Amino acid sequence: MMRLLKSTLFVGFVFGAFAFTPVASKSVVGVYGVCDDNPSQVRLELKSDNTFEYIDNSVTPKLNVSGNWELTNEHVVLLSSQQGAIFHRKWKISEDWEVAKARKGMTFYTLRRQGE
């Protein structure tokens, strides 16, 4: 009987320790980019009002595109009304919201969340 009581208390303690642990709620909103010393300075800023700003200095002419974005599954789709702007419109976001990846043809981009 004492063994059952100790086991029950132990299970209750373990459950109680983890039941009220705060859950980190992250969001896709933020700034993703390459490291500061990279001359391409590719940067994607996803704002909380579902607008974005995308800068890519690795192409000619340099790109500075803005518009709206939407989240579908783990992909962020960039919607812009700027005519003739060719850029990575579909970004796959990692499960931990820390990495954004895109592919257009044979060009692959990986951007990491910048410090907040």
PDB file of N, CA and C in Angstrom:
ATOM      1  N   MET A   1       0.821  -1.190   0.000  1.00  0.00           N
ATOM      2  CA  MET A   1       0.000   0.000   0.000  1.00  0.00           C
ATOM      3  C   MET A   1       0.870   1.260   0.000  1.00  0.00           C
ATOM      4  N   MET A   2       1.924   1.262   0.775  1.00  0.00           N
ATOM      5  CA  MET A   2       2.831   2.406   0.850  1.00  0.00           C
ATOM      6  C   MET A   2       3.521   2.619  -0.503  1.00  0.00           C
ATOM      7  N   ARG A   3       3.844   1.530  -1.175  1.00  0.00           N
ATOM      8  CA  ARG A   3       4.498   1.602  -2.475  1.00  0.00           C
ATOM      9  C   ARG A   3       3.566   2.274  -3.502  1.00  0.00           C
ATOM     10  N   LEU A   4       2.284   1.924  -3.479  1.00  0.00           N
ATOM     11  CA  LEU A   4       1.300   2.510  -4.374  1.00  0.00           C
ATOM     12  C   LEU A   4       1.161   4.004  -4.100  1.00  0.00           C
ATOM     13  N   LEU A   5       1.155   4.388  -2.852  1.00  0.00           N
ATOM     14  CA  LEU A   5       1.042   5.795  -2.485  1.00  0.00           C
ATOM     15  C   LEU A   5       2.262   6.579  -2.966  1.00  0.00           C
ATOM     16  N   LYS A   6       3.458   6.025  -2.787  1.00  0.00           N
ATOM     17  CA  LYS A   6       4.679   6.695  -3.242  1.00  0.00           C
ATOM     18  C   LYS A   6       4.696   6.829  -4.767  1.00  0.00           C
ATOM     19  N   SER A   7       4.274   5.779  -5.457  1.00  0.00           N
ATOM     20  CA  SER A   7       4.232   5.820  -6.925  1.00  0.00           C
ATOM     21  C   SER A   7       3.247   6.878  -7.404  1.00  0.00           C
ATOM     22  N   THR A   8       2.104   6.952  -6.775  1.00  0.00           N
ATOM     23  CA  THR A   8       1.094   7.930  -7.151  1.00  0.00           C
ATOM     24  C   THR A   8       1.597   9.346  -6.907  1.00  0.00           C
ATOM     25  N   LEU A   9       2.240   9.559  -5.771  1.00  0.00           N
ATOM     26  CA  LEU A   9       2.796  10.884  -5.483  1.00  0.00           C
ATOM     27  C   LEU A   9       3.894  11.259  -6.476  1.00  0.00           C
ATOM     28  N   PHE A  10       4.728  10.308  -6.836  1.00  0.00           N
ATOM     29  CA  PHE A  10       5.804  10.569  -7.791  1.00  0.00           C
ATOM     30  C   PHE A  10       5.230  10.946  -9.160  1.00  0.00           C
ATOM     31  N   VAL A  11       4.252  10.185  -9.628  1.00  0.00           N
ATOM     32  CA  VAL A  11       3.624  10.486 -10.916  1.00  0.00           C
ATOM     33  C   VAL A  11       2.935  11.849 -10.861  1.00  0.00           C
ATOM     34  N   GLY A  12       2.275  12.145  -9.769  1.00  0.00           N
ATOM     35  CA  GLY A  12       1.624  13.441  -9.605  1.00  0.00           C
ATOM     36  C   GLY A  12       2.629  14.579  -9.619  1.00  0.00           C
ATOM     37  N   PHE A  13       3.772  14.380  -8.976  1.00  0.00           N
ATOM     38  CA  PHE A  13       4.813  15.392  -8.960  1.00  0.00           C
ATOM     39  C   PHE A  13       5.361  15.642 -10.367  1.00  0.00           C
ATOM     40  N   VAL A  14       5.656  14.565 -11.078  1.00  0.00           N
ATOM     41  CA  VAL A  14       6.192  14.695 -12.430  1.00  0.00           C
ATOM     42  C   VAL A  14       5.168  15.395 -13.333  1.00  0.00           C
ATOM     43  N   PHE A  15       3.922  15.002 -13.255  1.00  0.00           N
ATOM     44  CA  PHE A  15       2.878  15.634 -14.054  1.00  0.00           C
ATOM     45  C   PHE A  15       2.761  17.120 -13.707  1.00  0.00           C
ATOM     46  N   GLY A  16       2.776  17.436 -12.434  1.00  0.00           N
ATOM     47  CA  GLY A  16       2.655  18.821 -11.997  1.00  0.00           C
ATOM     48  C   GLY A  16       3.822  19.673 -12.450  1.00  0.00           C
ATOM     49  N   ALA A  17       5.009  19.079 -12.498  1.00  0.00           N
ATOM     50  CA  ALA A  17       6.193  19.835 -12.903  1.00  0.00           C
ATOM     51  C   ALA A  17       6.123  20.242 -14.371  1.00  0.00           C
ATOM     52  N   PHE A  18       5.542  19.382 -15.212  1.00  0.00           N
ATOM     53  CA  PHE A  18       5.500  19.669 -16.643  1.00  0.00           C
ATOM     54  C   PHE A  18       4.168  20.228 -17.113  1.00  0.00           C
ATOM     55  N   ALA A  19       3.132  20.090 -16.330  1.00  0.00           N
ATOM     56  CA  ALA A  19       1.808  20.539 -16.772  1.00  0.00           C
ATOM     57  C   ALA A  19       1.706  22.048 -16.880  1.00  0.00           C
ATOM     58  N   PHE A  20       2.470  22.771 -16.100  1.00  0.00           N
ATOM     59  CA  PHE A  20       2.346  24.218 -16.080  1.00  0.00           C
ATOM     60  C   PHE A  20       3.563  24.928 -16.644  1.00  0.00           C
ATOM     61  N   THR A  21       4.348  24.204 -17.440  1.00  0.00           N
ATOM     62  CA  THR A  21       5.494  24.804 -18.092  1.00  0.00           C
ATOM     63  C   THR A  21       4.996  25.716 -19.203  1.00  0.00           C
ATOM     64  N   PRO A  22       5.453  26.959 -19.249  1.00  0.00           N
ATOM     65  CA  PRO A  22       4.977  27.871 -20.299  1.00  0.00           C
ATOM     66  C   PRO A  22       5.394  27.373 -21.679  1.00  0.00           C
ATOM     67  N   VAL A  23       4.505  27.515 -22.633  1.00  0.00           N
ATOM     68  CA  VAL A  23       4.772  27.118 -24.003  1.00  0.00           C
ATOM     69  C   VAL A  23       5.258  28.342 -24.761  1.00  0.00           C
ATOM     70  N   ALA A  24       6.363  28.176 -25.440  1.00  0.00           N
ATOM     71  CA  ALA A  24       6.903  29.290 -26.215  1.00  0.00           C
ATOM     72  C   ALA A  24       6.039  29.486 -27.453  1.00  0.00           C
ATOM     73  N   SER A  25       5.406  30.624 -27.529  1.00  0.00           N
ATOM     74  CA  SER A  25       4.585  30.900 -28.700  1.00  0.00           C
ATOM     75  C   SER A  25       5.338  31.851 -29.610  1.00  0.00           C
ATOM     76  N   LYS A  26       5.827  31.313 -30.697  1.00  0.00           N
ATOM     77  CA  LYS A  26       6.557  32.109 -31.658  1.00  0.00           C
ATOM     78  C   LYS A  26       5.658  32.366 -32.848  1.00  0.00           C
ATOM     79  N   SER A  27       6.078  33.239 -33.649  1.00  0.00           N
ATOM     80  CA  SER A  27       5.311  33.615 -34.819  1.00  0.00           C
ATOM     81  C   SER A  27       6.253  33.706 -36.007  1.00  0.00           C
ATOM     82  N   VAL A  28       5.699  33.612 -37.183  1.00  0.00           N
ATOM     83  CA  VAL A  28       6.479  33.753 -38.401  1.00  0.00           C
ATOM     84  C   VAL A  28       6.907  35.211 -38.597  1.00  0.00           C
ATOM     85  N   VAL A  29       6.256  36.126 -37.910  1.00  0.00           N
ATOM     86  CA  VAL A  29       6.567  37.553 -38.024  1.00  0.00           C
ATOM     87  C   VAL A  29       7.981  37.805 -37.517  1.00  0.00           C
ATOM     88  N   GLY A  30       8.750  38.545 -38.289  1.00  0.00           N
ATOM     89  CA  GLY A  30      10.114  38.872 -37.897  1.00  0.00           C
ATOM     90  C   GLY A  30      10.966  39.188 -39.107  1.00  0.00           C
ATOM     91  N   VAL A  31      12.257  39.328 -38.867  1.00  0.00           N
ATOM     92  CA  VAL A  31      13.207  39.652 -39.931  1.00  0.00           C
ATOM     93  C   VAL A  31      14.097  38.439 -40.152  1.00  0.00           C
ATOM     94  N   TYR A  32      14.181  38.004 -41.390  1.00  0.00           N
ATOM     95  CA  TYR A  32      15.030  36.892 -41.790  1.00  0.00           C
ATOM     96  C   TYR A  32      16.080  37.442 -42.746  1.00  0.00           C
ATOM     97  N   GLY A  33      17.311  36.956 -42.605  1.00  0.00           N
ATOM     98  CA  GLY A  33      18.345  37.473 -43.486  1.00  0.00           C
ATOM     99  C   GLY A  33      19.607  36.644 -43.444  1.00  0.00           C
ATOM    100  N   VAL A  34      20.596  37.105 -44.191  1.00  0.00           N
ATOM    101  CA  VAL A  34      21.913  36.493 -44.203  1.00  0.00           C
ATOM    102  C   VAL A  34      22.758  37.196 -43.147  1.00  0.00           C
ATOM    103  N   CYS A  35      23.956  36.692 -42.905  1.00  0.00           N
ATOM    104  CA  CYS A  35      24.812  37.328 -41.902  1.00  0.00           C
ATOM    105  C   CYS A  35      25.205  38.729 -42.363  1.00  0.00           C
ATOM    106  N   ASP A  36      25.537  39.572 -41.415  1.00  0.00           N
ATOM    107  CA  ASP A  36      25.796  40.987 -41.684  1.00  0.00           C
ATOM    108  C   ASP A  36      26.949  41.234 -42.653  1.00  0.00           C
ATOM    109  N   ASP A  37      27.952  40.340 -42.661  1.00  0.00           N
ATOM    110  CA  ASP A  37      29.101  40.579 -43.533  1.00  0.00           C
ATOM    111  C   ASP A  37      28.918  40.001 -44.937  1.00  0.00           C
ATOM    112  N   ASN A  38      27.756  39.463 -45.244  1.00  0.00           N
ATOM    113  CA  ASN A  38      27.470  38.945 -46.574  1.00  0.00           C
ATOM    114  C   ASN A  38      27.089  40.121 -47.474  1.00  0.00           C
ATOM    115  N   PRO A  39      27.792  40.325 -48.592  1.00  0.00           N
ATOM    116  CA  PRO A  39      27.522  41.495 -49.439  1.00  0.00           C
ATOM    117  C   PRO A  39      26.160  41.465 -50.140  1.00  0.00           C
ATOM    118  N   SER A  40      25.534  40.302 -50.242  1.00  0.00           N
ATOM    119  CA  SER A  40      24.244  40.232 -50.932  1.00  0.00           C
ATOM    120  C   SER A  40      23.142  40.913 -50.132  1.00  0.00           C
ATOM    121  N   GLN A  41      23.278  40.921 -48.802  1.00  0.00           N
ATOM    122  CA  GLN A  41      22.310  41.563 -47.915  1.00  0.00           C
ATOM    123  C   GLN A  41      20.860  41.212 -48.273  1.00  0.00           C
ATOM    124  N   VAL A  42      20.596  39.912 -48.451  1.00  0.00           N
ATOM    125  CA  VAL A  42      19.227  39.466 -48.689  1.00  0.00           C
ATOM    126  C   VAL A  42      18.486  39.538 -47.364  1.00  0.00           C
ATOM    127  N   ARG A  43      17.295  40.153 -47.386  1.00  0.00           N
ATOM    128  CA  ARG A  43      16.553  40.396 -46.147  1.00  0.00           C
ATOM    129  C   ARG A  43      15.063  40.291 -46.439  1.00  0.00           C
ATOM    130  N   LEU A  44      14.371  39.558 -45.609  1.00  0.00           N
ATOM    131  CA  LEU A  44      12.922  39.420 -45.714  1.00  0.00           C
ATOM    132  C   LEU A  44      12.316  39.799 -44.373  1.00  0.00           C
ATOM    133  N   GLU A  45      11.511  40.855 -44.369  1.00  0.00           N
ATOM    134  CA  GLU A  45      10.841  41.282 -43.143  1.00  0.00           C
ATOM    135  C   GLU A  45       9.348  41.006 -43.286  1.00  0.00           C
ATOM    136  N   LEU A  46       8.842  40.137 -42.410  1.00  0.00           N
ATOM    137  CA  LEU A  46       7.413  39.819 -42.367  1.00  0.00           C
ATOM    138  C   LEU A  46       6.820  40.583 -41.198  1.00  0.00           C
ATOM    139  N   LYS A  47       5.910  41.487 -41.485  1.00  0.00           N
ATOM    140  CA  LYS A  47       5.341  42.354 -40.454  1.00  0.00           C
ATOM    141  C   LYS A  47       4.020  41.796 -39.951  1.00  0.00           C
ATOM    142  N   SER A  48       3.629  42.195 -38.763  1.00  0.00           N
ATOM    143  CA  SER A  48       2.431  41.657 -38.114  1.00  0.00           C
ATOM    144  C   SER A  48       1.135  42.056 -38.825  1.00  0.00           C
ATOM    145  N   ASP A  49       1.168  43.089 -39.641  1.00  0.00           N
ATOM    146  CA  ASP A  49      -0.036  43.486 -40.380  1.00  0.00           C
ATOM    147  C   ASP A  49      -0.134  42.781 -41.740  1.00  0.00           C
ATOM    148  N   ASN A  50       0.605  41.680 -41.886  1.00  0.00           N
ATOM    149  CA  ASN A  50       0.654  40.851 -43.092  1.00  0.00           C
ATOM    150  C   ASN A  50       1.210  41.591 -44.308  1.00  0.00           C
ATOM    151  N   THR A  51       2.108  42.525 -44.072  1.00  0.00           N
ATOM    152  CA  THR A  51       2.855  43.143 -45.157  1.00  0.00           C
ATOM    153  C   THR A  51       4.300  42.676 -45.045  1.00  0.00           C
ATOM    154  N   PHE A  52       5.043  42.802 -46.134  1.00  0.00           N
ATOM    155  CA  PHE A  52       6.437  42.383 -46.121  1.00  0.00           C
ATOM    156  C   PHE A  52       7.291  43.388 -46.874  1.00  0.00           C
ATOM    157  N   GLU A  53       8.597  43.303 -46.627  1.00  0.00           N
ATOM    158  CA  GLU A  53       9.592  44.019 -47.402  1.00  0.00           C
ATOM    159  C   GLU A  53      10.705  43.038 -47.711  1.00  0.00           C
ATOM    160  N   TYR A  54      11.042  42.908 -48.971  1.00  0.00           N
ATOM    161  CA  TYR A  54      12.063  41.953 -49.419  1.00  0.00           C
ATOM    162  C   TYR A  54      13.151  42.728 -50.144  1.00  0.00           C
ATOM    163  N   ILE A  55      14.397  42.571 -49.691  1.00  0.00           N
ATOM    164  CA  ILE A  55      15.540  43.244 -50.289  1.00  0.00           C
ATOM    165  C   ILE A  55      16.541  42.187 -50.719  1.00  0.00           C
ATOM    166  N   ASP A  56      17.000  42.288 -51.971  1.00  0.00           N
ATOM    167  CA  ASP A  56      17.993  41.341 -52.486  1.00  0.00           C
ATOM    168  C   ASP A  56      19.003  42.120 -53.310  1.00  0.00           C
ATOM    169  N   ASN A  57      20.196  42.313 -52.763  1.00  0.00           N
ATOM    170  CA  ASN A  57      21.255  43.041 -53.459  1.00  0.00           C
ATOM    171  C   ASN A  57      22.176  42.116 -54.240  1.00  0.00           C
ATOM    172  N   SER A  58      21.847  40.816 -54.309  1.00  0.00           N
ATOM    173  CA  SER A  58      22.703  39.863 -55.010  1.00  0.00           C
ATOM    174  C   SER A  58      22.374  39.778 -56.493  1.00  0.00           C
ATOM    175  N   VAL A  59      21.307  40.434 -56.924  1.00  0.00           N
ATOM    176  CA  VAL A  59      20.897  40.386 -58.328  1.00  0.00           C
ATOM    177  C   VAL A  59      20.996  41.777 -58.942  1.00  0.00           C
ATOM    178  N   THR A  60      21.017  41.824 -60.272  1.00  0.00           N
ATOM    179  CA  THR A  60      21.037  43.093 -60.976  1.00  0.00           C
ATOM    180  C   THR A  60      19.791  43.169 -61.834  1.00  0.00           C
ATOM    181  N   PRO A  61      18.968  44.180 -61.722  1.00  0.00           N
ATOM    182  CA  PRO A  61      19.064  45.283 -60.771  1.00  0.00           C
ATOM    183  C   PRO A  61      18.694  44.822 -59.362  1.00  0.00           C
ATOM    184  N   LYS A  62      19.158  45.554 -58.386  1.00  0.00           N
ATOM    185  CA  LYS A  62      18.868  45.223 -56.996  1.00  0.00           C
ATOM    186  C   LYS A  62      17.373  45.285 -56.746  1.00  0.00           C
ATOM    187  N   LEU A  63      16.886  44.371 -55.909  1.00  0.00           N
ATOM    188  CA  LEU A  63      15.452  44.287 -55.641  1.00  0.00           C
ATOM    189  C   LEU A  63      15.095  44.905 -54.305  1.00  0.00           C
ATOM    190  N   ASN A  64      14.000  45.635 -54.302  1.00  0.00           N
ATOM    191  CA  ASN A  64      13.381  46.128 -53.076  1.00  0.00           C
ATOM    192  C   ASN A  64      11.876  46.046 -53.331  1.00  0.00           C
ATOM    193  N   VAL A  65      11.272  44.956 -52.858  1.00  0.00           N
ATOM    194  CA  VAL A  65       9.875  44.661 -53.160  1.00  0.00           C
ATOM    195  C   VAL A  65       9.084  44.666 -51.864  1.00  0.00           C
ATOM    196  N   SER A  66       7.860  45.156 -51.933  1.00  0.00           N
ATOM    197  CA  SER A  66       6.979  45.115 -50.773  1.00  0.00           C
ATOM    198  C   SER A  66       5.598  44.677 -51.230  1.00  0.00           C
ATOM    199  N   GLY A  67       4.785  44.294 -50.272  1.00  0.00           N
ATOM    200  CA  GLY A  67       3.432  43.843 -50.580  1.00  0.00           C
ATOM    201  C   GLY A  67       2.834  43.151 -49.376  1.00  0.00           C
ATOM    202  N   ASN A  68       1.953  42.194 -49.629  1.00  0.00           N
ATOM    203  CA  ASN A  68       1.303  41.427 -48.570  1.00  0.00           C
ATOM    204  C   ASN A  68       1.821  40.002 -48.576  1.00  0.00           C
ATOM    205  N   TRP A  69       1.699  39.339 -47.442  1.00  0.00           N
ATOM    206  CA  TRP A  69       2.066  37.937 -47.360  1.00  0.00           C
ATOM    207  C   TRP A  69       0.934  37.155 -46.706  1.00  0.00           C
ATOM    208  N   GLU A  70       0.898  35.841 -47.016  1.00  0.00           N
ATOM    209  CA  GLU A  70      -0.071  34.964 -46.380  1.00  0.00           C
ATOM    210  C   GLU A  70       0.625  33.649 -46.025  1.00  0.00           C
ATOM    211  N   LEU A  71       0.162  33.038 -44.963  1.00  0.00           N
ATOM    212  CA  LEU A  71       0.740  31.796 -44.464  1.00  0.00           C
ATOM    213  C   LEU A  71      -0.185  30.644 -44.824  1.00  0.00           C
ATOM    214  N   THR A  72       0.345  29.671 -45.570  1.00  0.00           N
ATOM    215  CA  THR A  72      -0.399  28.468 -45.907  1.00  0.00           C
ATOM    216  C   THR A  72       0.460  27.282 -45.509  1.00  0.00           C
ATOM    217  N   ASN A  73      -0.036  26.500 -44.550  1.00  0.00           N
ATOM    218  CA  ASN A  73       0.739  25.410 -43.949  1.00  0.00           C
ATOM    219  C   ASN A  73       2.043  25.970 -43.416  1.00  0.00           C
ATOM    220  N   GLU A  74       3.180  25.469 -43.859  1.00  0.00           N
ATOM    221  CA  GLU A  74       4.448  26.014 -43.381  1.00  0.00           C
ATOM    222  C   GLU A  74       5.095  26.910 -44.431  1.00  0.00           C
ATOM    223  N   HIS A  75       4.334  27.363 -45.411  1.00  0.00           N
ATOM    224  CA  HIS A  75       4.854  28.232 -46.461  1.00  0.00           C
ATOM    225  C   HIS A  75       4.310  29.651 -46.325  1.00  0.00           C
ATOM    226  N   VAL A  76       5.199  30.603 -46.543  1.00  0.00           N
ATOM    227  CA  VAL A  76       4.805  32.002 -46.621  1.00  0.00           C
ATOM    228  C   VAL A  76       4.826  32.365 -48.102  1.00  0.00           C
ATOM    229  N   VAL A  77       3.715  32.871 -48.586  1.00  0.00           N
ATOM    230  CA  VAL A  77       3.607  33.286 -49.985  1.00  0.00           C
ATOM    231  C   VAL A  77       3.589  34.807 -50.023  1.00  0.00           C
ATOM    232  N   LEU A  78       4.513  35.375 -50.793  1.00  0.00           N
ATOM    233  CA  LEU A  78       4.634  36.821 -50.915  1.00  0.00           C
ATOM    234  C   LEU A  78       3.830  37.297 -52.125  1.00  0.00           C
ATOM    235  N   LEU A  79       2.950  38.246 -51.897  1.00  0.00           N
ATOM    236  CA  LEU A  79       2.090  38.797 -52.947  1.00  0.00           C
ATOM    237  C   LEU A  79       2.457  40.253 -53.165  1.00  0.00           C
ATOM    238  N   SER A  80       2.902  40.574 -54.372  1.00  0.00           N
ATOM    239  CA  SER A  80       3.304  41.942 -54.662  1.00  0.00           C
ATOM    240  C   SER A  80       2.661  42.398 -55.960  1.00  0.00           C
ATOM    241  N   SER A  81       2.323  43.662 -56.020  1.00  0.00           N
ATOM    242  CA  SER A  81       1.720  44.216 -57.227  1.00  0.00           C
ATOM    243  C   SER A  81       2.757  44.868 -58.136  1.00  0.00           C
ATOM    244  N   GLN A  82       4.031  44.802 -57.745  1.00  0.00           N
ATOM    245  CA  GLN A  82       5.078  45.421 -58.552  1.00  0.00           C
ATOM    246  C   GLN A  82       5.289  44.610 -59.830  1.00  0.00           C
ATOM    247  N   GLN A  83       5.080  45.253 -60.963  1.00  0.00           N
ATOM    248  CA  GLN A  83       5.189  44.589 -62.256  1.00  0.00           C
ATOM    249  C   GLN A  83       6.648  44.315 -62.602  1.00  0.00           C
ATOM    250  N   GLY A  84       6.902  43.144 -63.135  1.00  0.00           N
ATOM    251  CA  GLY A  84       8.233  42.799 -63.620  1.00  0.00           C
ATOM    252  C   GLY A  84       9.228  42.387 -62.560  1.00  0.00           C
ATOM    253  N   ALA A  85       8.860  42.426 -61.313  1.00  0.00           N
ATOM    254  CA  ALA A  85       9.790  42.037 -60.247  1.00  0.00           C
ATOM    255  C   ALA A  85       9.821  40.516 -60.149  1.00  0.00           C
ATOM    256  N   ILE A  86      10.974  39.935 -60.420  1.00  0.00           N
ATOM    257  CA  ILE A  86      11.135  38.483 -60.329  1.00  0.00           C
ATOM    258  C   ILE A  86      11.902  38.196 -59.050  1.00  0.00           C
ATOM    259  N   PHE A  87      11.268  37.495 -58.133  1.00  0.00           N
ATOM    260  CA  PHE A  87      11.891  37.201 -56.847  1.00  0.00           C
ATOM    261  C   PHE A  87      11.283  35.933 -56.269  1.00  0.00           C
ATOM    262  N   HIS A  88      11.867  35.455 -55.188  1.00  0.00           N
ATOM    263  CA  HIS A  88      11.393  34.253 -54.514  1.00  0.00           C
ATOM    264  C   HIS A  88      10.075  34.580 -53.807  1.00  0.00           C
ATOM    265  N   ARG A  89       8.992  34.027 -54.283  1.00  0.00           N
ATOM    266  CA  ARG A  89       7.671  34.342 -53.730  1.00  0.00           C
ATOM    267  C   ARG A  89       7.182  33.337 -52.705  1.00  0.00           C
ATOM    268  N   LYS A  90       7.718  32.126 -52.721  1.00  0.00           N
ATOM    269  CA  LYS A  90       7.253  31.079 -51.808  1.00  0.00           C
ATOM    270  C   LYS A  90       8.408  30.650 -50.904  1.00  0.00           C
ATOM    271  N   TRP A  91       8.212  30.811 -49.590  1.00  0.00           N
ATOM    272  CA  TRP A  91       9.243  30.516 -48.600  1.00  0.00           C
ATOM    273  C   TRP A  91       8.743  29.442 -47.647  1.00  0.00           C
ATOM    274  N   LYS A  92       9.551  28.416 -47.438  1.00  0.00           N
ATOM    275  CA  LYS A  92       9.215  27.372 -46.470  1.00  0.00           C
ATOM    276  C   LYS A  92       9.827  27.765 -45.130  1.00  0.00           C
ATOM    277  N   ILE A  93       8.997  27.790 -44.109  1.00  0.00           N
ATOM    278  CA  ILE A  93       9.434  28.192 -42.779  1.00  0.00           C
ATOM    279  C   ILE A  93       9.625  26.944 -41.932  1.00  0.00           C
ATOM    280  N   SER A  94      10.730  26.874 -41.210  1.00  0.00           N
ATOM    281  CA  SER A  94      11.008  25.708 -40.376  1.00  0.00           C
ATOM    282  C   SER A  94      10.022  25.638 -39.205  1.00  0.00           C
ATOM    283  N   GLU A  95       9.933  24.464 -38.610  1.00  0.00           N
ATOM    284  CA  GLU A  95       8.989  24.250 -37.510  1.00  0.00           C
ATOM    285  C   GLU A  95       9.256  25.151 -36.316  1.00  0.00           C
ATOM    286  N   ASP A  96      10.506  25.509 -36.101  1.00  0.00           N
ATOM    287  CA  ASP A  96      10.836  26.362 -34.955  1.00  0.00           C
ATOM    288  C   ASP A  96      10.825  27.855 -35.322  1.00  0.00           C
ATOM    289  N   TRP A  97      10.360  28.180 -36.504  1.00  0.00           N
ATOM    290  CA  TRP A  97      10.216  29.557 -36.991  1.00  0.00           C
ATOM    291  C   TRP A  97      11.554  30.296 -37.101  1.00  0.00           C
ATOM    292  N   GLU A  98      12.649  29.572 -37.201  1.00  0.00           N
ATOM    293  CA  GLU A  98      13.970  30.208 -37.206  1.00  0.00           C
ATOM    294  C   GLU A  98      14.600  30.300 -38.593  1.00  0.00           C
ATOM    295  N   VAL A  99      14.131  29.510 -39.568  1.00  0.00           N
ATOM    296  CA  VAL A  99      14.764  29.458 -40.884  1.00  0.00           C
ATOM    297  C   VAL A  99      13.704  29.581 -41.970  1.00  0.00           C
ATOM    298  N   ALA A 100      13.998  30.389 -42.982  1.00  0.00           N
ATOM    299  CA  ALA A 100      13.143  30.524 -44.161  1.00  0.00           C
ATOM    300  C   ALA A 100      13.958  30.084 -45.373  1.00  0.00           C
ATOM    301  N   LYS A 101      13.399  29.160 -46.168  1.00  0.00           N
ATOM    302  CA  LYS A 101      14.095  28.657 -47.349  1.00  0.00           C
ATOM    303  C   LYS A 101      13.232  28.862 -48.578  1.00  0.00           C
ATOM    304  N   ALA A 102      13.910  29.183 -49.691  1.00  0.00           N
ATOM    305  CA  ALA A 102      13.212  29.367 -50.954  1.00  0.00           C
ATOM    306  C   ALA A 102      14.061  28.811 -52.083  1.00  0.00           C
ATOM    307  N   ARG A 103      13.370  28.430 -53.159  1.00  0.00           N
ATOM    308  CA  ARG A 103      14.058  27.938 -54.349  1.00  0.00           C
ATOM    309  C   ARG A 103      13.350  28.503 -55.571  1.00  0.00           C
ATOM    310  N   LYS A 104      14.125  29.029 -56.475  1.00  0.00           N
ATOM    311  CA  LYS A 104      13.587  29.502 -57.753  1.00  0.00           C
ATOM    312  C   LYS A 104      14.547  29.002 -58.814  1.00  0.00           C
ATOM    313  N   GLY A 105      14.099  28.007 -59.573  1.00  0.00           N
ATOM    314  CA  GLY A 105      14.989  27.383 -60.548  1.00  0.00           C
ATOM    315  C   GLY A 105      16.125  26.686 -59.816  1.00  0.00           C
ATOM    316  N   MET A 106      17.335  27.041 -60.148  1.00  0.00           N
ATOM    317  CA  MET A 106      18.499  26.454 -59.480  1.00  0.00           C
ATOM    318  C   MET A 106      19.103  27.387 -58.437  1.00  0.00           C
ATOM    319  N   THR A 107      18.353  28.392 -58.018  1.00  0.00           N
ATOM    320  CA  THR A 107      18.820  29.320 -56.994  1.00  0.00           C
ATOM    321  C   THR A 107      18.130  28.998 -55.680  1.00  0.00           C
ATOM    322  N   PHE A 108      18.921  28.694 -54.671  1.00  0.00           N
ATOM    323  CA  PHE A 108      18.409  28.339 -53.352  1.00  0.00           C
ATOM    324  C   PHE A 108      18.815  29.409 -52.353  1.00  0.00           C
ATOM    325  N   TYR A 109      17.864  29.840 -51.530  1.00  0.00           N
ATOM    326  CA  TYR A 109      18.150  30.815 -50.486  1.00  0.00           C
ATOM    327  C   TYR A 109      17.793  30.210 -49.132  1.00  0.00           C
ATOM    328  N   THR A 110      18.638  30.464 -48.153  1.00  0.00           N
ATOM    329  CA  THR A 110      18.353  30.111 -46.762  1.00  0.00           C
ATOM    330  C   THR A 110      18.593  31.356 -45.922  1.00  0.00           C
ATOM    331  N   LEU A 111      17.549  31.816 -45.264  1.00  0.00           N
ATOM    332  CA  LEU A 111      17.639  32.993 -44.417  1.00  0.00           C
ATOM    333  C   LEU A 111      17.352  32.592 -42.975  1.00  0.00           C
ATOM    334  N   ARG A 112      18.072  33.147 -42.046  1.00  0.00           N
ATOM    335  CA  ARG A 112      17.873  32.858 -40.633  1.00  0.00           C
ATOM    336  C   ARG A 112      17.251  34.062 -39.940  1.00  0.00           C
ATOM    337  N   ARG A 113      16.445  33.756 -38.925  1.00  0.00           N
ATOM    338  CA  ARG A 113      15.809  34.827 -38.149  1.00  0.00           C
ATOM    339  C   ARG A 113      16.895  35.676 -37.505  1.00  0.00           C
ATOM    340  N   GLN A 114      16.761  36.969 -37.645  1.00  0.00           N
ATOM    341  CA  GLN A 114      17.712  37.901 -37.067  1.00  0.00           C
ATOM    342  C   GLN A 114      17.357  38.174 -35.626  1.00  0.00           C
ATOM    343  N   GLY A 115      18.328  38.559 -34.829  1.00  0.00           N
ATOM    344  CA  GLY A 115      18.131  38.847 -33.409  1.00  0.00           C
ATOM    345  C   GLY A 115      17.070  39.903 -33.192  1.00  0.00           C
ATOM    346  N   GLU A 116      16.353  39.759 -32.103  1.00  0.00           N
ATOM    347  CA  GLU A 116      15.251  40.686 -31.838  1.00  0.00           C
ATOM    348  C   GLU A 116      15.615  41.684 -30.785  1.00  0.00           C
TER     349      GLU A 116
END
